[in-house]
Amino acid sequence: MGTTELNEGIGMSRSAGIEVTRKGDERVLRISGACGSKCASELDKEIWNQVRSGAKRLSLDLSNADYVETPVLRVILDSARDLALTDTSIKVERLSPSARRTFDLLQLDWILSDEAKGPNRFRGDA
């Protein structure tokens, strides 16, 4: 698949990007950089593009996200709610330390995969 580059225009943060990897009927959406409103819009489009292309499992990798703002969380939560009515699942697989703090603070562990909940949950841990 491809990579989408987004420029959030916020200070020294990296531009956000979404890279899609296909693994059978699973799609891994690796999100990197600053994840704000522009990233949220692109993520929403990409999630539904992947569902339309036949994905049965969506995995979000936030291990290279500089931060995750509310619009991105809203896309993830709305997608999880809407996909619950279909035969497609969505989980967050990996988190950067910053994204982990956000998910912990908001008690969003229900959308995390077992890997994201486990001891190797941070970027660089293997």
N, C-alpha and C. Protein backbone atom coordinates (compact mmCIF):
# COMPACT_ATOMS: atom_id res chain seq x y z
N MET A 1 0.85 -1.16 0.00
CA MET A 1 0.00 0.00 0.00
C MET A 1 0.90 1.23 0.00
N GLY A 2 0.40 2.35 0.38
CA GLY A 2 1.18 3.57 0.27
C GLY A 2 1.35 4.28 1.58
N THR A 3 1.99 5.42 1.48
CA THR A 3 2.20 6.27 2.63
C THR A 3 1.53 7.60 2.36
N THR A 4 0.85 8.12 3.35
CA THR A 4 0.23 9.42 3.24
C THR A 4 0.98 10.35 4.19
N GLU A 5 1.51 11.44 3.69
CA GLU A 5 2.21 12.42 4.52
C GLU A 5 1.28 13.57 4.82
N LEU A 6 1.24 13.97 6.07
CA LEU A 6 0.40 15.08 6.48
C LEU A 6 1.26 16.10 7.21
N ASN A 7 1.02 17.37 7.02
CA ASN A 7 1.76 18.41 7.73
C ASN A 7 0.80 19.10 8.67
N GLU A 8 1.00 18.88 9.96
CA GLU A 8 0.13 19.48 10.96
C GLU A 8 0.50 20.94 11.21
N GLY A 9 1.73 21.33 10.91
CA GLY A 9 2.14 22.71 11.10
C GLY A 9 2.23 23.12 12.55
N ILE A 10 2.60 22.21 13.44
CA ILE A 10 2.68 22.50 14.86
C ILE A 10 4.13 22.45 15.29
N GLY A 11 4.72 23.56 15.58
CA GLY A 11 6.06 23.63 16.14
C GLY A 11 7.07 22.75 15.45
N MET A 12 7.83 21.99 16.25
CA MET A 12 8.89 21.15 15.73
C MET A 12 8.45 19.71 15.52
N SER A 13 7.18 19.42 15.64
CA SER A 13 6.69 18.06 15.47
C SER A 13 6.87 17.60 14.03
N ARG A 14 7.08 16.30 13.88
CA ARG A 14 7.19 15.73 12.54
C ARG A 14 5.82 15.73 11.88
N SER A 15 5.82 15.77 10.56
CA SER A 15 4.57 15.63 9.83
C SER A 15 4.02 14.23 10.09
N ALA A 16 2.72 14.14 10.18
CA ALA A 16 2.09 12.85 10.40
C ALA A 16 2.06 12.07 9.09
N GLY A 17 2.12 10.77 9.21
CA GLY A 17 2.03 9.91 8.05
C GLY A 17 1.31 8.62 8.40
N ILE A 18 0.66 8.03 7.41
CA ILE A 18 -0.02 6.75 7.61
C ILE A 18 0.50 5.81 6.54
N GLU A 19 1.08 4.72 6.99
CA GLU A 19 1.58 3.69 6.08
C GLU A 19 0.74 2.44 6.29
N VAL A 20 0.26 1.87 5.21
CA VAL A 20 -0.62 0.70 5.28
C VAL A 20 0.15 -0.53 4.80
N THR A 21 0.11 -1.58 5.62
CA THR A 21 0.71 -2.85 5.26
C THR A 21 -0.38 -3.91 5.25
N ARG A 22 -0.37 -4.73 4.23
CA ARG A 22 -1.39 -5.78 4.09
C ARG A 22 -0.82 -7.11 4.54
N LYS A 23 -1.56 -7.81 5.41
CA LYS A 23 -1.20 -9.15 5.86
C LYS A 23 -2.45 -10.02 5.74
N GLY A 24 -2.67 -10.61 4.56
CA GLY A 24 -3.89 -11.38 4.32
C GLY A 24 -5.10 -10.47 4.41
N ASP A 25 -6.05 -10.83 5.31
CA ASP A 25 -7.24 -9.98 5.46
C ASP A 25 -7.06 -8.94 6.56
N GLU A 26 -5.83 -8.82 7.07
CA GLU A 26 -5.52 -7.80 8.07
C GLU A 26 -4.78 -6.65 7.41
N ARG A 27 -5.06 -5.43 7.88
CA ARG A 27 -4.33 -4.25 7.45
C ARG A 27 -3.73 -3.60 8.69
N VAL A 28 -2.45 -3.30 8.62
CA VAL A 28 -1.78 -2.58 9.69
C VAL A 28 -1.61 -1.13 9.22
N LEU A 29 -2.17 -0.22 9.97
CA LEU A 29 -2.05 1.20 9.67
C LEU A 29 -1.05 1.78 10.67
N ARG A 30 0.15 2.07 10.18
CA ARG A 30 1.22 2.60 11.03
C ARG A 30 1.18 4.12 10.93
N ILE A 31 0.90 4.75 12.05
CA ILE A 31 0.72 6.19 12.11
C ILE A 31 1.94 6.79 12.80
N SER A 32 2.56 7.76 12.15
CA SER A 32 3.76 8.36 12.73
C SER A 32 3.66 9.87 12.72
N GLY A 33 4.45 10.50 13.58
CA GLY A 33 4.49 11.96 13.64
C GLY A 33 3.40 12.54 14.53
N ALA A 34 3.05 13.77 14.24
CA ALA A 34 2.06 14.52 15.02
C ALA A 34 0.65 14.14 14.56
N CYS A 35 -0.15 13.62 15.47
CA CYS A 35 -1.48 13.12 15.13
C CYS A 35 -2.56 14.07 15.62
N GLY A 36 -2.88 15.04 14.79
CA GLY A 36 -3.91 16.04 15.11
C GLY A 36 -5.08 15.91 14.17
N SER A 37 -5.73 17.04 13.89
CA SER A 37 -6.98 17.02 13.12
C SER A 37 -6.78 16.58 11.67
N LYS A 38 -5.71 17.00 11.03
CA LYS A 38 -5.48 16.57 9.64
C LYS A 38 -5.21 15.07 9.59
N CYS A 39 -4.47 14.58 10.55
CA CYS A 39 -4.20 13.14 10.64
C CYS A 39 -5.51 12.39 10.86
N ALA A 40 -6.38 12.93 11.69
CA ALA A 40 -7.66 12.28 11.98
C ALA A 40 -8.49 12.13 10.72
N SER A 41 -8.56 13.16 9.92
CA SER A 41 -9.32 13.12 8.68
C SER A 41 -8.77 12.05 7.74
N GLU A 42 -7.46 12.01 7.60
CA GLU A 42 -6.83 11.03 6.72
C GLU A 42 -6.99 9.61 7.28
N LEU A 43 -6.88 9.45 8.60
CA LEU A 43 -7.06 8.14 9.22
C LEU A 43 -8.47 7.62 8.99
N ASP A 44 -9.46 8.48 9.15
CA ASP A 44 -10.84 8.08 8.92
C ASP A 44 -11.02 7.58 7.49
N LYS A 45 -10.51 8.32 6.52
CA LYS A 45 -10.61 7.91 5.12
C LYS A 45 -9.92 6.57 4.90
N GLU A 46 -8.73 6.42 5.47
CA GLU A 46 -7.95 5.20 5.26
C GLU A 46 -8.61 3.98 5.90
N ILE A 47 -9.16 4.14 7.08
CA ILE A 47 -9.86 3.02 7.74
C ILE A 47 -10.97 2.52 6.83
N TRP A 48 -11.80 3.43 6.32
CA TRP A 48 -12.95 3.00 5.52
C TRP A 48 -12.53 2.53 4.13
N ASN A 49 -11.43 3.06 3.58
CA ASN A 49 -10.89 2.51 2.34
C ASN A 49 -10.48 1.06 2.52
N GLN A 50 -9.86 0.77 3.65
CA GLN A 50 -9.42 -0.61 3.92
C GLN A 50 -10.60 -1.55 4.15
N VAL A 51 -11.62 -1.07 4.82
CA VAL A 51 -12.83 -1.88 5.03
C VAL A 51 -13.48 -2.19 3.67
N ARG A 52 -13.59 -1.18 2.83
CA ARG A 52 -14.17 -1.39 1.50
C ARG A 52 -13.34 -2.34 0.65
N SER A 53 -12.03 -2.39 0.89
CA SER A 53 -11.16 -3.27 0.10
C SER A 53 -11.14 -4.71 0.65
N GLY A 54 -11.93 -4.97 1.69
CA GLY A 54 -12.06 -6.34 2.18
C GLY A 54 -11.32 -6.67 3.46
N ALA A 55 -10.75 -5.70 4.12
CA ALA A 55 -10.05 -5.97 5.39
C ALA A 55 -11.03 -6.48 6.44
N LYS A 56 -10.63 -7.51 7.15
CA LYS A 56 -11.46 -8.05 8.24
C LYS A 56 -10.91 -7.67 9.61
N ARG A 57 -9.61 -7.31 9.64
CA ARG A 57 -8.98 -6.87 10.88
C ARG A 57 -8.12 -5.64 10.57
N LEU A 58 -8.31 -4.62 11.37
CA LEU A 58 -7.49 -3.41 11.27
C LEU A 58 -6.67 -3.28 12.54
N SER A 59 -5.38 -3.11 12.37
CA SER A 59 -4.47 -2.92 13.50
C SER A 59 -3.84 -1.54 13.36
N LEU A 60 -3.94 -0.74 14.41
CA LEU A 60 -3.35 0.59 14.40
C LEU A 60 -2.06 0.55 15.19
N ASP A 61 -0.98 0.95 14.57
CA ASP A 61 0.34 1.00 15.20
C ASP A 61 0.67 2.46 15.45
N LEU A 62 0.64 2.86 16.71
CA LEU A 62 0.93 4.25 17.10
C LEU A 62 2.29 4.36 17.76
N SER A 63 3.17 3.39 17.52
CA SER A 63 4.47 3.37 18.20
C SER A 63 5.38 4.52 17.77
N ASN A 64 5.11 5.14 16.64
CA ASN A 64 5.91 6.28 16.19
C ASN A 64 5.13 7.58 16.18
N ALA A 65 4.02 7.60 16.91
CA ALA A 65 3.22 8.83 17.00
C ALA A 65 3.86 9.76 18.04
N ASP A 66 4.11 11.01 17.64
CA ASP A 66 4.66 11.98 18.59
C ASP A 66 3.64 12.27 19.70
N TYR A 67 2.39 12.40 19.32
CA TYR A 67 1.29 12.59 20.25
C TYR A 67 0.00 12.25 19.53
N VAL A 68 -1.07 12.07 20.31
CA VAL A 68 -2.38 11.76 19.74
C VAL A 68 -3.38 12.75 20.33
N GLU A 69 -4.00 13.55 19.45
CA GLU A 69 -4.97 14.54 19.90
C GLU A 69 -6.39 13.98 19.83
N THR A 70 -7.31 14.70 20.42
CA THR A 70 -8.71 14.29 20.51
C THR A 70 -9.34 13.90 19.18
N PRO A 71 -9.12 14.62 18.09
CA PRO A 71 -9.76 14.21 16.82
C PRO A 71 -9.37 12.80 16.38
N VAL A 72 -8.13 12.41 16.63
CA VAL A 72 -7.69 11.06 16.26
C VAL A 72 -8.36 10.03 17.16
N LEU A 73 -8.44 10.33 18.45
CA LEU A 73 -9.13 9.42 19.37
C LEU A 73 -10.58 9.26 18.95
N ARG A 74 -11.22 10.35 18.56
CA ARG A 74 -12.62 10.28 18.14
C ARG A 74 -12.78 9.37 16.91
N VAL A 75 -11.86 9.48 15.95
CA VAL A 75 -11.92 8.61 14.77
C VAL A 75 -11.76 7.15 15.18
N ILE A 76 -10.81 6.87 16.06
CA ILE A 76 -10.57 5.49 16.49
C ILE A 76 -11.81 4.94 17.21
N LEU A 77 -12.36 5.71 18.13
CA LEU A 77 -13.51 5.25 18.90
C LEU A 77 -14.77 5.14 18.05
N ASP A 78 -15.01 6.11 17.18
CA ASP A 78 -16.17 6.04 16.28
C ASP A 78 -16.05 4.84 15.34
N SER A 79 -14.84 4.60 14.83
CA SER A 79 -14.63 3.46 13.94
C SER A 79 -14.87 2.15 14.67
N ALA A 80 -14.38 2.05 15.90
CA ALA A 80 -14.58 0.83 16.69
C ALA A 80 -16.08 0.59 16.90
N ARG A 81 -16.81 1.65 17.21
CA ARG A 81 -18.26 1.53 17.41
C ARG A 81 -18.96 1.09 16.13
N ASP A 82 -18.63 1.74 15.03
CA ASP A 82 -19.28 1.43 13.77
C ASP A 82 -18.89 0.06 13.24
N LEU A 83 -17.63 -0.32 13.42
CA LEU A 83 -17.16 -1.62 12.93
C LEU A 83 -17.70 -2.77 13.76
N ALA A 84 -18.14 -2.49 14.99
CA ALA A 84 -18.73 -3.54 15.83
C ALA A 84 -20.00 -4.09 15.19
N LEU A 85 -20.60 -3.32 14.30
CA LEU A 85 -21.81 -3.75 13.61
C LEU A 85 -21.50 -4.54 12.34
N THR A 86 -20.23 -4.73 12.04
CA THR A 86 -19.79 -5.44 10.83
C THR A 86 -18.95 -6.64 11.24
N ASP A 87 -18.35 -7.29 10.25
CA ASP A 87 -17.46 -8.41 10.55
C ASP A 87 -15.99 -7.99 10.51
N THR A 88 -15.73 -6.69 10.68
CA THR A 88 -14.36 -6.17 10.72
C THR A 88 -14.06 -5.69 12.13
N SER A 89 -12.86 -6.02 12.63
CA SER A 89 -12.45 -5.59 13.96
C SER A 89 -11.33 -4.57 13.85
N ILE A 90 -11.18 -3.78 14.90
CA ILE A 90 -10.10 -2.78 14.95
C ILE A 90 -9.50 -2.82 16.35
N LYS A 91 -8.17 -2.79 16.41
CA LYS A 91 -7.44 -2.77 17.68
C LYS A 91 -6.22 -1.87 17.53
N VAL A 92 -5.80 -1.30 18.63
CA VAL A 92 -4.54 -0.56 18.67
C VAL A 92 -3.48 -1.55 19.12
N GLU A 93 -2.45 -1.72 18.29
CA GLU A 93 -1.43 -2.74 18.53
C GLU A 93 -0.24 -2.24 19.34
N ARG A 94 0.28 -1.10 18.98
CA ARG A 94 1.47 -0.57 19.65
C ARG A 94 1.29 0.91 19.89
N LEU A 95 1.93 1.39 20.97
CA LEU A 95 1.79 2.80 21.37
C LEU A 95 3.14 3.41 21.68
N SER A 96 3.33 4.66 21.31
CA SER A 96 4.49 5.41 21.79
C SER A 96 4.22 5.75 23.26
N PRO A 97 5.24 6.11 24.02
CA PRO A 97 5.00 6.49 25.42
C PRO A 97 3.97 7.62 25.56
N SER A 98 4.02 8.60 24.67
CA SER A 98 3.06 9.71 24.72
C SER A 98 1.64 9.22 24.45
N ALA A 99 1.48 8.39 23.43
CA ALA A 99 0.16 7.85 23.12
C ALA A 99 -0.33 6.95 24.26
N ARG A 100 0.58 6.20 24.87
CA ARG A 100 0.23 5.32 25.98
C ARG A 100 -0.35 6.12 27.15
N ARG A 101 0.29 7.25 27.46
CA ARG A 101 -0.22 8.09 28.55
C ARG A 101 -1.64 8.56 28.24
N THR A 102 -1.90 8.94 26.99
CA THR A 102 -3.23 9.39 26.60
C THR A 102 -4.25 8.27 26.76
N PHE A 103 -3.94 7.09 26.27
CA PHE A 103 -4.86 5.95 26.37
C PHE A 103 -5.08 5.54 27.82
N ASP A 104 -4.02 5.59 28.63
CA ASP A 104 -4.15 5.26 30.05
C ASP A 104 -5.03 6.29 30.77
N LEU A 105 -4.76 7.55 30.53
CA LEU A 105 -5.51 8.63 31.18
C LEU A 105 -7.00 8.53 30.89
N LEU A 106 -7.32 8.19 29.65
CA LEU A 106 -8.73 8.11 29.23
C LEU A 106 -9.34 6.71 29.41
N GLN A 107 -8.56 5.80 29.98
CA GLN A 107 -9.00 4.43 30.27
C GLN A 107 -9.55 3.75 29.01
N LEU A 108 -8.73 3.79 27.96
CA LEU A 108 -9.13 3.19 26.68
C LEU A 108 -8.45 1.85 26.45
N ASP A 109 -8.15 1.13 27.51
CA ASP A 109 -7.47 -0.16 27.36
C ASP A 109 -8.32 -1.20 26.65
N TRP A 110 -9.63 -1.02 26.60
CA TRP A 110 -10.52 -1.99 25.95
C TRP A 110 -10.27 -2.09 24.45
N ILE A 111 -9.67 -1.06 23.84
CA ILE A 111 -9.42 -1.12 22.40
C ILE A 111 -7.99 -1.56 22.10
N LEU A 112 -7.19 -1.80 23.13
CA LEU A 112 -5.80 -2.21 22.94
C LEU A 112 -5.72 -3.71 22.74
N SER A 113 -4.81 -4.13 21.88
CA SER A 113 -4.54 -5.56 21.71
C SER A 113 -3.81 -6.07 22.93
N ASP A 114 -3.72 -7.39 23.07
CA ASP A 114 -2.97 -7.97 24.17
C ASP A 114 -1.52 -7.52 24.14
N GLU A 115 -0.95 -7.41 22.92
CA GLU A 115 0.44 -6.95 22.79
C GLU A 115 0.60 -5.53 23.34
N ALA A 116 -0.34 -4.66 23.03
CA ALA A 116 -0.26 -3.27 23.50
C ALA A 116 -0.43 -3.18 25.01
N LYS A 117 -1.14 -4.13 25.61
CA LYS A 117 -1.32 -4.14 27.06
C LYS A 117 -0.14 -4.77 27.78
N GLY A 118 0.65 -5.57 27.06
CA GLY A 118 1.71 -6.36 27.68
C GLY A 118 3.00 -5.61 27.93
N PRO A 119 4.04 -6.35 28.37
CA PRO A 119 5.31 -5.72 28.75
C PRO A 119 6.09 -5.12 27.59
N ASN A 120 5.86 -5.56 26.36
CA ASN A 120 6.58 -5.01 25.20
C ASN A 120 5.75 -3.96 24.48
N ARG A 121 5.03 -3.15 25.23
CA ARG A 121 4.05 -2.25 24.64
C ARG A 121 4.61 -0.95 24.10
N PHE A 122 5.85 -0.61 24.45
CA PHE A 122 6.42 0.66 24.00
C PHE A 122 7.35 0.47 22.83
N ARG A 123 7.50 1.52 22.03
CA ARG A 123 8.41 1.53 20.90
C ARG A 123 9.81 1.21 21.42
N GLY A 124 10.55 0.42 20.68
CA GLY A 124 11.91 0.08 21.05
C GLY A 124 12.02 -1.12 21.95
N ASP A 125 10.92 -1.58 22.54
CA ASP A 125 10.95 -2.79 23.36
C ASP A 125 10.77 -3.98 22.43
N ALA A 126 11.54 -5.00 22.63
CA ALA A 126 11.38 -6.18 21.78
C ALA A 126 11.66 -7.43 22.56
